[in-house]
Each structure stands twice: as structure tokens, then as C-alpha cells.
Amino acid sequence: VLHPRPWPSTAEAVVVTEKDAVKLRPEPDLDPKIWVVGLDFKLPSSLT
């Protein structure tokens, strides 16, 4: 659970996954410090 946010509010830059980003409620003072990093996941075409 990420409400309240479990890392220090003094952190100047925070990187999170998309799975965690969907749980972050808007906080205008803290949101500009957060970066979301995406993950590409590709299955072999033979499998699909």
C-alpha cells in the first residue's frame, strides 16, 4: 500500500514501476519528484 507514501518525503527524485505508479494518489507537492520507468515484455512470435 502506497498511501501514505512509504519513502522519505525529503527524497528529491524517486523512481517507481508502473505497478506502483497506479497506486499513487495525486499529491501536487510530491508528484513532480516521481519518475515512472516502463518495462517492455515481448513473447516469441512462435508462441503467440
All heavy atoms as atom14 arrays in JSON, in Angstrom:
{
  "sequence": "VLHPRPWPSTAEAVVVTEKDAVKLRPEPDLDPKIWVVGLDFKLPSSLT",
  "atom14_mask": [
    [1, 1, 1, 1, 1, 1, 1, 0, 0, 0, 0, 0, 0, 0],
    [1, 1, 1, 1, 1, 1, 1, 1, 0, 0, 0, 0, 0, 0],
    [1, 1, 1, 1, 1, 1, 1, 1, 1, 1, 0, 0, 0, 0],
    [1, 1, 1, 1, 1, 1, 1, 0, 0, 0, 0, 0, 0, 0],
    [1, 1, 1, 1, 1, 1, 1, 1, 1, 1, 1, 0, 0, 0],
    [1, 1, 1, 1, 1, 1, 1, 0, 0, 0, 0, 0, 0, 0],
    [1, 1, 1, 1, 1, 1, 1, 1, 1, 1, 1, 1, 1, 1],
    [1, 1, 1, 1, 1, 1, 1, 0, 0, 0, 0, 0, 0, 0],
    [1, 1, 1, 1, 1, 1, 0, 0, 0, 0, 0, 0, 0, 0],
    [1, 1, 1, 1, 1, 1, 1, 0, 0, 0, 0, 0, 0, 0],
    [1, 1, 1, 1, 1, 0, 0, 0, 0, 0, 0, 0, 0, 0],
    [1, 1, 1, 1, 1, 1, 1, 1, 1, 0, 0, 0, 0, 0],
    [1, 1, 1, 1, 1, 0, 0, 0, 0, 0, 0, 0, 0, 0],
    [1, 1, 1, 1, 1, 1, 1, 0, 0, 0, 0, 0, 0, 0],
    [1, 1, 1, 1, 1, 1, 1, 0, 0, 0, 0, 0, 0, 0],
    [1, 1, 1, 1, 1, 1, 1, 0, 0, 0, 0, 0, 0, 0],
    [1, 1, 1, 1, 1, 1, 1, 0, 0, 0, 0, 0, 0, 0],
    [1, 1, 1, 1, 1, 1, 1, 1, 1, 0, 0, 0, 0, 0],
    [1, 1, 1, 1, 1, 1, 1, 1, 1, 0, 0, 0, 0, 0],
    [1, 1, 1, 1, 1, 1, 1, 1, 0, 0, 0, 0, 0, 0],
    [1, 1, 1, 1, 1, 0, 0, 0, 0, 0, 0, 0, 0, 0],
    [1, 1, 1, 1, 1, 1, 1, 0, 0, 0, 0, 0, 0, 0],
    [1, 1, 1, 1, 1, 1, 1, 1, 1, 0, 0, 0, 0, 0],
    [1, 1, 1, 1, 1, 1, 1, 1, 0, 0, 0, 0, 0, 0],
    [1, 1, 1, 1, 1, 1, 1, 1, 1, 1, 1, 0, 0, 0],
    [1, 1, 1, 1, 1, 1, 1, 0, 0, 0, 0, 0, 0, 0],
    [1, 1, 1, 1, 1, 1, 1, 1, 1, 0, 0, 0, 0, 0],
    [1, 1, 1, 1, 1, 1, 1, 0, 0, 0, 0, 0, 0, 0],
    [1, 1, 1, 1, 1, 1, 1, 1, 0, 0, 0, 0, 0, 0],
    [1, 1, 1, 1, 1, 1, 1, 1, 0, 0, 0, 0, 0, 0],
    [1, 1, 1, 1, 1, 1, 1, 1, 0, 0, 0, 0, 0, 0],
    [1, 1, 1, 1, 1, 1, 1, 0, 0, 0, 0, 0, 0, 0],
    [1, 1, 1, 1, 1, 1, 1, 1, 1, 0, 0, 0, 0, 0],
    [1, 1, 1, 1, 1, 1, 1, 1, 0, 0, 0, 0, 0, 0],
    [1, 1, 1, 1, 1, 1, 1, 1, 1, 1, 1, 1, 1, 1],
    [1, 1, 1, 1, 1, 1, 1, 0, 0, 0, 0, 0, 0, 0],
    [1, 1, 1, 1, 1, 1, 1, 0, 0, 0, 0, 0, 0, 0],
    [1, 1, 1, 1, 0, 0, 0, 0, 0, 0, 0, 0, 0, 0],
    [1, 1, 1, 1, 1, 1, 1, 1, 0, 0, 0, 0, 0, 0],
    [1, 1, 1, 1, 1, 1, 1, 1, 0, 0, 0, 0, 0, 0],
    [1, 1, 1, 1, 1, 1, 1, 1, 1, 1, 1, 0, 0, 0],
    [1, 1, 1, 1, 1, 1, 1, 1, 1, 0, 0, 0, 0, 0],
    [1, 1, 1, 1, 1, 1, 1, 1, 0, 0, 0, 0, 0, 0],
    [1, 1, 1, 1, 1, 1, 1, 0, 0, 0, 0, 0, 0, 0],
    [1, 1, 1, 1, 1, 1, 0, 0, 0, 0, 0, 0, 0, 0],
    [1, 1, 1, 1, 1, 1, 0, 0, 0, 0, 0, 0, 0, 0],
    [1, 1, 1, 1, 1, 1, 1, 1, 0, 0, 0, 0, 0, 0],
    [1, 1, 1, 1, 1, 1, 1, 0, 0, 0, 0, 0, 0, 0]
  ],
  "atom14_positions": [
    [[0.86, -1.19, 0.0], [0.0, 0.0, 0.0], [0.9, 1.24, 0.0], [1.83, 1.33, 0.8], [-0.93, 0.0, 1.23], [-1.74, 1.29, 1.29], [-1.86, -1.22, 1.19], [0.0, 0.0, 0.0], [0.0, 0.0, 0.0], [0.0, 0.0, 0.0], [0.0, 0.0, 0.0], [0.0, 0.0, 0.0], [0.0, 0.0, 0.0], [0.0, 0.0, 0.0]],
    [[0.61, 2.19, -0.86], [1.47, 3.37, -1.01], [0.79, 4.66, -0.57], [1.14, 5.74, -1.04], [1.95, 3.49, -2.46], [2.74, 2.31, -3.0], [3.29, 2.62, -4.38], [3.86, 1.9, -2.06], [0.0, 0.0, 0.0], [0.0, 0.0, 0.0], [0.0, 0.0, 0.0], [0.0, 0.0, 0.0], [0.0, 0.0, 0.0], [0.0, 0.0, 0.0]],
    [[-0.18, 4.54, 0.29], [-0.81, 5.74, 0.86], [-0.89, 5.58, 2.37], [-1.62, 4.73, 2.86], [-2.21, 5.94, 0.28], [-2.86, 7.21, 0.73], [-2.49, 8.44, 0.22], [-3.82, 7.46, 1.64], [-3.21, 9.37, 0.79], [-4.02, 8.81, 1.66], [0.0, 0.0, 0.0], [0.0, 0.0, 0.0], [0.0, 0.0, 0.0], [0.0, 0.0, 0.0]],
    [[-0.08, 6.35, 3.13], [0.85, 7.39, 2.67], [2.07, 6.76, 1.99], [2.35, 5.59, 2.16], [1.24, 8.11, 3.95], [1.11, 7.06, 5.01], [-0.07, 6.22, 4.61], [0.0, 0.0, 0.0], [0.0, 0.0, 0.0], [0.0, 0.0, 0.0], [0.0, 0.0, 0.0], [0.0, 0.0, 0.0], [0.0, 0.0, 0.0], [0.0, 0.0, 0.0]],
    [[2.78, 7.58, 1.25], [3.94, 7.11, 0.52], [5.03, 6.67, 1.51], [5.35, 7.4, 2.44], [4.45, 8.19, -0.43], [3.37, 8.55, -1.45], [3.77, 9.62, -2.42], [2.64, 9.91, -3.31], [2.68, 10.75, -4.32], [3.79, 11.42, -4.57], [1.61, 10.95, -5.09], [0.0, 0.0, 0.0], [0.0, 0.0, 0.0], [0.0, 0.0, 0.0]],
    [[5.59, 5.47, 1.3], [6.45, 4.88, 2.32], [7.9, 5.32, 2.31], [8.68, 4.89, 3.14], [6.34, 3.38, 2.0], [6.12, 3.33, 0.54], [5.3, 4.54, 0.21], [0.0, 0.0, 0.0], [0.0, 0.0, 0.0], [0.0, 0.0, 0.0], [0.0, 0.0, 0.0], [0.0, 0.0, 0.0], [0.0, 0.0, 0.0], [0.0, 0.0, 0.0]],
    [[8.29, 6.18, 1.35], [9.66, 6.65, 1.32], [9.73, 8.06, 1.91], [8.7, 8.74, 2.06], [10.21, 6.64, -0.11], [9.31, 7.31, -1.12], [9.16, 8.64, -1.34], [8.41, 6.64, -2.01], [8.24, 8.87, -2.32], [7.76, 7.66, -2.75], [8.09, 5.31, -2.26], [6.81, 7.37, -3.72], [7.16, 5.02, -3.23], [6.52, 6.03, -3.95]],
    [[10.91, 8.54, 2.26], [11.03, 9.86, 2.89], [10.48, 10.97, 1.99], [10.76, 11.0, 0.79], [12.54, 10.02, 3.11], [13.08, 8.63, 3.09], [12.21, 7.86, 2.16], [0.0, 0.0, 0.0], [0.0, 0.0, 0.0], [0.0, 0.0, 0.0], [0.0, 0.0, 0.0], [0.0, 0.0, 0.0], [0.0, 0.0, 0.0], [0.0, 0.0, 0.0]],
    [[9.7, 11.86, 2.58], [9.14, 12.98, 1.8], [10.22, 13.94, 1.33], [10.0, 14.76, 0.45], [8.11, 13.73, 2.64], [8.7, 14.23, 3.83], [0.0, 0.0, 0.0], [0.0, 0.0, 0.0], [0.0, 0.0, 0.0], [0.0, 0.0, 0.0], [0.0, 0.0, 0.0], [0.0, 0.0, 0.0], [0.0, 0.0, 0.0], [0.0, 0.0, 0.0]],
    [[11.41, 13.83, 1.92], [12.53, 14.71, 1.54], [13.26, 14.22, 0.29], [14.14, 14.93, -0.21], [13.53, 14.79, 2.7], [13.93, 13.47, 3.08], [12.9, 15.49, 3.91], [0.0, 0.0, 0.0], [0.0, 0.0, 0.0], [0.0, 0.0, 0.0], [0.0, 0.0, 0.0], [0.0, 0.0, 0.0], [0.0, 0.0, 0.0], [0.0, 0.0, 0.0]],
    [[12.91, 13.02, -0.2], [13.59, 12.49, -1.38], [13.36, 13.42, -2.57], [12.23, 13.78, -2.88], [13.08, 11.09, -1.7], [0.0, 0.0, 0.0], [0.0, 0.0, 0.0], [0.0, 0.0, 0.0], [0.0, 0.0, 0.0], [0.0, 0.0, 0.0], [0.0, 0.0, 0.0], [0.0, 0.0, 0.0], [0.0, 0.0, 0.0], [0.0, 0.0, 0.0]],
    [[14.43, 13.79, -3.24], [14.35, 14.75, -4.35], [13.96, 14.1, -5.66], [13.43, 14.77, -6.55], [15.69, 15.47, -4.5], [15.97, 16.48, -3.4], [14.89, 17.56, -3.33], [14.48, 18.06, -4.4], [14.44, 17.89, -2.22], [0.0, 0.0, 0.0], [0.0, 0.0, 0.0], [0.0, 0.0, 0.0], [0.0, 0.0, 0.0], [0.0, 0.0, 0.0]],
    [[14.22, 12.81, -5.83], [13.84, 12.1, -7.05], [13.58, 10.64, -6.69], [14.42, 9.99, -6.05], [14.94, 12.2, -8.1], [0.0, 0.0, 0.0], [0.0, 0.0, 0.0], [0.0, 0.0, 0.0], [0.0, 0.0, 0.0], [0.0, 0.0, 0.0], [0.0, 0.0, 0.0], [0.0, 0.0, 0.0], [0.0, 0.0, 0.0], [0.0, 0.0, 0.0]],
    [[12.42, 10.15, -7.09], [12.01, 8.78, -6.79], [11.63, 8.09, -8.09], [10.86, 8.65, -8.89], [10.83, 8.74, -5.8], [10.43, 7.29, -5.51], [11.18, 9.48, -4.51], [0.0, 0.0, 0.0], [0.0, 0.0, 0.0], [0.0, 0.0, 0.0], [0.0, 0.0, 0.0], [0.0, 0.0, 0.0], [0.0, 0.0, 0.0], [0.0, 0.0, 0.0]],
    [[12.15, 6.9, -8.32], [11.83, 6.1, -9.5], [10.94, 4.94, -9.05], [11.26, 4.25, -8.07], [13.1, 5.55, -10.16], [12.75, 4.7, -11.37], [14.01, 6.69, -10.56], [0.0, 0.0, 0.0], [0.0, 0.0, 0.0], [0.0, 0.0, 0.0], [0.0, 0.0, 0.0], [0.0, 0.0, 0.0], [0.0, 0.0, 0.0], [0.0, 0.0, 0.0]],
    [[9.82, 4.73, -9.75], [8.91, 3.64, -9.4], [8.53, 2.85, -10.65], [8.72, 3.31, -11.78], [7.61, 4.17, -8.73], [7.92, 4.9, -7.45], [6.81, 5.05, -9.69], [0.0, 0.0, 0.0], [0.0, 0.0, 0.0], [0.0, 0.0, 0.0], [0.0, 0.0, 0.0], [0.0, 0.0, 0.0], [0.0, 0.0, 0.0], [0.0, 0.0, 0.0]],
    [[7.99, 1.68, -10.45], [7.45, 0.86, -11.54], [6.02, 1.32, -11.84], [5.37, 2.0, -11.03], [7.43, -0.61, -11.15], [6.46, -0.81, -10.11], [8.79, -1.08, -10.66], [0.0, 0.0, 0.0], [0.0, 0.0, 0.0], [0.0, 0.0, 0.0], [0.0, 0.0, 0.0], [0.0, 0.0, 0.0], [0.0, 0.0, 0.0], [0.0, 0.0, 0.0]],
    [[5.5, 0.87, -12.98], [4.1, 1.16, -13.3], [3.15, 0.51, -12.31], [2.1, 1.07, -11.99], [3.78, 0.68, -14.71], [4.37, 1.5, -15.82], [3.86, 1.03, -17.16], [4.39, 0.01, -17.66], [2.93, 1.66, -17.71], [0.0, 0.0, 0.0], [0.0, 0.0, 0.0], [0.0, 0.0, 0.0], [0.0, 0.0, 0.0], [0.0, 0.0, 0.0]],
    [[3.51, -0.68, -11.85], [2.66, -1.38, -10.89], [2.47, -0.57, -9.62], [1.41, -0.6, -9.0], [3.27, -2.75, -10.58], [2.45, -3.59, -9.6], [3.08, -4.94, -9.4], [2.4, -5.73, -8.3], [2.99, -7.07, -8.11], [0.0, 0.0, 0.0], [0.0, 0.0, 0.0], [0.0, 0.0, 0.0], [0.0, 0.0, 0.0], [0.0, 0.0, 0.0]],
    [[3.52, 0.17, -9.23], [3.41, 1.05, -8.06], [2.8, 2.4, -8.42], [2.09, 3.0, -7.62], [4.78, 1.24, -7.41], [5.29, -0.04, -6.76], [4.49, -0.74, -6.14], [6.49, -0.34, -6.89], [0.0, 0.0, 0.0], [0.0, 0.0, 0.0], [0.0, 0.0, 0.0], [0.0, 0.0, 0.0], [0.0, 0.0, 0.0], [0.0, 0.0, 0.0]],
    [[3.04, 2.87, -9.63], [2.52, 4.17, -10.04], [0.99, 4.2, -10.01], [0.39, 5.23, -9.68], [3.03, 4.53, -11.43], [0.0, 0.0, 0.0], [0.0, 0.0, 0.0], [0.0, 0.0, 0.0], [0.0, 0.0, 0.0], [0.0, 0.0, 0.0], [0.0, 0.0, 0.0], [0.0, 0.0, 0.0], [0.0, 0.0, 0.0], [0.0, 0.0, 0.0]],
    [[0.34, 3.08, -10.36], [-1.12, 3.07, -10.39], [-1.71, 3.24, -8.99], [-2.89, 3.58, -8.85], [-1.68, 1.78, -11.02], [-1.25, 1.64, -12.45], [-1.29, 0.54, -10.22], [0.0, 0.0, 0.0], [0.0, 0.0, 0.0], [0.0, 0.0, 0.0], [0.0, 0.0, 0.0], [0.0, 0.0, 0.0], [0.0, 0.0, 0.0], [0.0, 0.0, 0.0]],
    [[-0.9, 3.01, -7.96], [-1.4, 3.11, -6.58], [-1.16, 4.48, -5.96], [-1.62, 4.74, -4.83], [-0.74, 2.03, -5.71], [-1.11, 0.62, -6.11], [-0.45, -0.42, -5.22], [1.01, -0.53, -5.5], [1.64, -1.67, -4.78], [0.0, 0.0, 0.0], [0.0, 0.0, 0.0], [0.0, 0.0, 0.0], [0.0, 0.0, 0.0], [0.0, 0.0, 0.0]],
    [[-0.44, 5.36, -6.65], [-0.1, 6.66, -6.08], [-1.24, 7.65, -6.29], [-1.58, 7.97, -7.43], [1.19, 7.19, -6.72], [2.46, 6.41, -6.4], [3.63, 6.96, -7.21], [2.77, 6.48, -4.9], [0.0, 0.0, 0.0], [0.0, 0.0, 0.0], [0.0, 0.0, 0.0], [0.0, 0.0, 0.0], [0.0, 0.0, 0.0], [0.0, 0.0, 0.0]],
    [[-1.8, 8.12, -5.21], [-2.83, 9.15, -5.31], [-2.17, 10.5, -5.58], [-1.06, 10.76, -5.11], [-3.64, 9.2, -4.01], [-4.37, 7.89, -3.72], [-5.09, 7.94, -2.38], [-5.78, 6.69, -2.11], [-6.43, 6.43, -0.98], [-6.46, 7.34, -0.01], [-7.02, 5.26, -0.82], [0.0, 0.0, 0.0], [0.0, 0.0, 0.0], [0.0, 0.0, 0.0]],
    [[-2.83, 11.38, -6.33], [-2.22, 12.68, -6.66], [-1.86, 13.49, -5.42], [-2.66, 13.64, -4.51], [-3.33, 13.37, -7.47], [-4.13, 12.26, -8.04], [-4.13, 11.17, -6.99], [0.0, 0.0, 0.0], [0.0, 0.0, 0.0], [0.0, 0.0, 0.0], [0.0, 0.0, 0.0], [0.0, 0.0, 0.0], [0.0, 0.0, 0.0], [0.0, 0.0, 0.0]],
    [[-0.63, 13.95, -5.41], [-0.14, 14.87, -4.37], [0.7, 15.92, -5.08], [1.87, 15.7, -5.38], [0.68, 14.12, -3.32], [-0.14, 13.12, -2.5], [0.66, 12.55, -1.34], [1.5, 13.28, -0.77], [0.45, 11.36, -1.0], [0.0, 0.0, 0.0], [0.0, 0.0, 0.0], [0.0, 0.0, 0.0], [0.0, 0.0, 0.0], [0.0, 0.0, 0.0]],
    [[0.1, 17.07, -5.4], [0.77, 18.07, -6.25], [2.16, 18.48, -5.78], [3.02, 18.77, -6.61], [-0.2, 19.26, -6.21], [-1.54, 18.63, -5.92], [-1.25, 17.49, -5.0], [0.0, 0.0, 0.0], [0.0, 0.0, 0.0], [0.0, 0.0, 0.0], [0.0, 0.0, 0.0], [0.0, 0.0, 0.0], [0.0, 0.0, 0.0], [0.0, 0.0, 0.0]],
    [[2.4, 18.48, -4.47], [3.71, 18.9, -3.99], [4.78, 17.85, -4.21], [5.98, 18.18, -4.33], [3.64, 19.24, -2.49], [2.77, 20.46, -2.22], [2.58, 21.26, -3.16], [2.28, 20.61, -1.08], [0.0, 0.0, 0.0], [0.0, 0.0, 0.0], [0.0, 0.0, 0.0], [0.0, 0.0, 0.0], [0.0, 0.0, 0.0], [0.0, 0.0, 0.0]],
    [[4.39, 16.55, -4.25], [5.36, 15.47, -4.33], [5.44, 14.83, -5.71], [6.46, 14.26, -6.07], [5.01, 14.39, -3.29], [5.04, 14.83, -1.83], [4.62, 13.68, -0.93], [6.42, 15.33, -1.44], [0.0, 0.0, 0.0], [0.0, 0.0, 0.0], [0.0, 0.0, 0.0], [0.0, 0.0, 0.0], [0.0, 0.0, 0.0], [0.0, 0.0, 0.0]],
    [[4.36, 14.93, -6.49], [4.33, 14.23, -7.78], [5.45, 14.64, -8.74], [5.98, 13.78, -9.46], [2.97, 14.46, -8.46], [1.87, 13.62, -7.82], [2.18, 12.85, -6.89], [0.7, 13.73, -8.26], [0.0, 0.0, 0.0], [0.0, 0.0, 0.0], [0.0, 0.0, 0.0], [0.0, 0.0, 0.0], [0.0, 0.0, 0.0], [0.0, 0.0, 0.0]],
    [[5.86, 15.92, -8.8], [6.93, 16.28, -9.75], [8.27, 15.6, -9.46], [9.15, 15.6, -10.31], [7.04, 17.81, -9.58], [5.7, 18.22, -9.08], [5.26, 17.11, -8.18], [0.0, 0.0, 0.0], [0.0, 0.0, 0.0], [0.0, 0.0, 0.0], [0.0, 0.0, 0.0], [0.0, 0.0, 0.0], [0.0, 0.0, 0.0], [0.0, 0.0, 0.0]],
    [[8.42, 15.02, -8.26], [9.67, 14.36, -7.91], [9.68, 12.88, -8.29], [10.68, 12.19, -8.07], [9.91, 14.48, -6.4], [9.97, 15.91, -5.88], [10.16, 15.92, -4.37], [10.22, 17.34, -3.82], [10.4, 17.34, -2.34], [0.0, 0.0, 0.0], [0.0, 0.0, 0.0], [0.0, 0.0, 0.0], [0.0, 0.0, 0.0], [0.0, 0.0, 0.0]],
    [[8.57, 12.39, -8.85], [8.44, 10.97, -9.11], [8.52, 10.68, -10.6], [7.84, 11.33, -11.41], [7.12, 10.43, -8.52], [7.14, 10.59, -6.99], [6.91, 8.96, -8.9], [5.89, 10.14, -6.31], [0.0, 0.0, 0.0], [0.0, 0.0, 0.0], [0.0, 0.0, 0.0], [0.0, 0.0, 0.0], [0.0, 0.0, 0.0], [0.0, 0.0, 0.0]],
    [[9.32, 9.69, -10.94], [9.51, 9.25, -12.31], [9.04, 7.81, -12.42], [9.3, 6.99, -11.54], [10.97, 9.33, -12.73], [11.65, 10.64, -12.48], [11.8, 11.27, -11.28], [12.27, 11.48, -13.43], [12.48, 12.45, -11.43], [12.79, 12.61, -12.75], [12.47, 11.4, -14.81], [13.47, 13.63, -13.38], [13.15, 12.42, -15.45], [13.65, 13.53, -14.74]],
    [[8.35, 7.5, -13.5], [7.88, 6.13, -13.74], [8.72, 5.54, -14.87], [8.9, 6.17, -15.91], [6.39, 6.12, -14.14], [5.89, 4.67, -14.29], [5.55, 6.88, -13.12], [0.0, 0.0, 0.0], [0.0, 0.0, 0.0], [0.0, 0.0, 0.0], [0.0, 0.0, 0.0], [0.0, 0.0, 0.0], [0.0, 0.0, 0.0], [0.0, 0.0, 0.0]],
    [[9.22, 4.34, -14.63], [10.02, 3.64, -15.63], [9.23, 2.45, -16.14], [8.71, 1.65, -15.36], [11.38, 3.19, -15.05], [12.13, 2.3, -16.04], [12.23, 4.4, -14.7], [0.0, 0.0, 0.0], [0.0, 0.0, 0.0], [0.0, 0.0, 0.0], [0.0, 0.0, 0.0], [0.0, 0.0, 0.0], [0.0, 0.0, 0.0], [0.0, 0.0, 0.0]],
    [[9.11, 2.34, -17.45], [8.32, 1.28, -18.06], [9.13, 0.05, -18.41], [10.36, 0.12, -18.56], [0.0, 0.0, 0.0], [0.0, 0.0, 0.0], [0.0, 0.0, 0.0], [0.0, 0.0, 0.0], [0.0, 0.0, 0.0], [0.0, 0.0, 0.0], [0.0, 0.0, 0.0], [0.0, 0.0, 0.0], [0.0, 0.0, 0.0], [0.0, 0.0, 0.0]],
    [[8.44, -1.05, -18.54], [9.07, -2.32, -18.87], [8.41, -2.91, -20.11], [7.19, -3.08, -20.15], [8.93, -3.3, -17.7], [9.46, -4.71, -17.92], [10.98, -4.69, -18.07], [9.05, -5.61, -16.77], [0.0, 0.0, 0.0], [0.0, 0.0, 0.0], [0.0, 0.0, 0.0], [0.0, 0.0, 0.0], [0.0, 0.0, 0.0], [0.0, 0.0, 0.0]],
    [[9.2, -3.2, -21.12], [8.72, -3.9, -22.32], [8.91, -5.39, -22.11], [9.99, -5.84, -21.7], [9.5, -3.45, -23.55], [8.92, -2.19, -24.16], [7.75, -1.9, -23.9], [9.65, -1.5, -24.89], [0.0, 0.0, 0.0], [0.0, 0.0, 0.0], [0.0, 0.0, 0.0], [0.0, 0.0, 0.0], [0.0, 0.0, 0.0], [0.0, 0.0, 0.0]],
    [[7.88, -6.15, -22.43], [7.9, -7.6, -22.24], [7.39, -8.2, -23.53], [6.23, -7.99, -23.91], [6.98, -7.96, -21.07], [7.21, -9.33, -20.5], [8.19, -9.55, -19.54], [6.43, -10.4, -20.89], [8.39, -10.8, -18.99], [6.61, -11.66, -20.36], [7.59, -11.86, -19.4], [0.0, 0.0, 0.0], [0.0, 0.0, 0.0], [0.0, 0.0, 0.0]],
    [[8.23, -8.93, -24.23], [7.87, -9.45, -25.54], [7.93, -10.97, -25.55], [8.92, -11.57, -25.12], [8.8, -8.88, -26.62], [8.41, -9.27, -28.03], [9.32, -8.61, -29.06], [8.91, -8.97, -30.48], [9.79, -8.35, -31.49], [0.0, 0.0, 0.0], [0.0, 0.0, 0.0], [0.0, 0.0, 0.0], [0.0, 0.0, 0.0], [0.0, 0.0, 0.0]],
    [[6.85, -11.58, -26.06], [6.78, -13.02, -26.2], [7.22, -13.42, -27.61], [6.99, -12.68, -28.57], [5.36, -13.52, -25.95], [4.77, -13.2, -24.57], [3.31, -13.61, -24.52], [5.57, -13.9, -23.48], [0.0, 0.0, 0.0], [0.0, 0.0, 0.0], [0.0, 0.0, 0.0], [0.0, 0.0, 0.0], [0.0, 0.0, 0.0], [0.0, 0.0, 0.0]],
    [[7.83, -14.6, -27.76], [8.21, -15.05, -29.1], [6.99, -15.16, -30.0], [5.92, -15.62, -29.58], [8.84, -16.42, -28.85], [9.24, -16.42, -27.41], [8.24, -15.56, -26.71], [0.0, 0.0, 0.0], [0.0, 0.0, 0.0], [0.0, 0.0, 0.0], [0.0, 0.0, 0.0], [0.0, 0.0, 0.0], [0.0, 0.0, 0.0], [0.0, 0.0, 0.0]],
    [[7.13, -14.75, -31.26], [6.0, -14.8, -32.19], [5.53, -16.23, -32.41], [4.34, -16.46, -32.67], [6.4, -14.16, -33.52], [7.52, -14.82, -34.08], [0.0, 0.0, 0.0], [0.0, 0.0, 0.0], [0.0, 0.0, 0.0], [0.0, 0.0, 0.0], [0.0, 0.0, 0.0], [0.0, 0.0, 0.0], [0.0, 0.0, 0.0], [0.0, 0.0, 0.0]],
    [[6.44, -17.2, -32.29], [6.04, -18.6, -32.47], [5.06, -19.04, -31.39], [4.14, -19.83, -31.65], [7.27, -19.51, -32.45], [7.99, -19.35, -31.23], [0.0, 0.0, 0.0], [0.0, 0.0, 0.0], [0.0, 0.0, 0.0], [0.0, 0.0, 0.0], [0.0, 0.0, 0.0], [0.0, 0.0, 0.0], [0.0, 0.0, 0.0], [0.0, 0.0, 0.0]],
    [[5.24, -18.52, -30.17], [4.33, -18.86, -29.08], [2.95, -18.26, -29.31], [1.93, -18.95, -29.23], [4.91, -18.37, -27.75], [3.97, -18.41, -26.55], [3.6, -19.85, -26.2], [4.59, -17.71, -25.34], [0.0, 0.0, 0.0], [0.0, 0.0, 0.0], [0.0, 0.0, 0.0], [0.0, 0.0, 0.0], [0.0, 0.0, 0.0], [0.0, 0.0, 0.0]],
    [[2.91, -16.96, -29.61], [1.61, -16.32, -29.79], [0.89, -16.88, -31.02], [-0.34, -17.02, -31.01], [1.77, -14.8, -29.93], [2.68, -14.5, -30.99], [2.32, -14.21, -28.64], [0.0, 0.0, 0.0], [0.0, 0.0, 0.0], [0.0, 0.0, 0.0], [0.0, 0.0, 0.0], [0.0, 0.0, 0.0], [0.0, 0.0, 0.0], [0.0, 0.0, 0.0]]
  ]
}
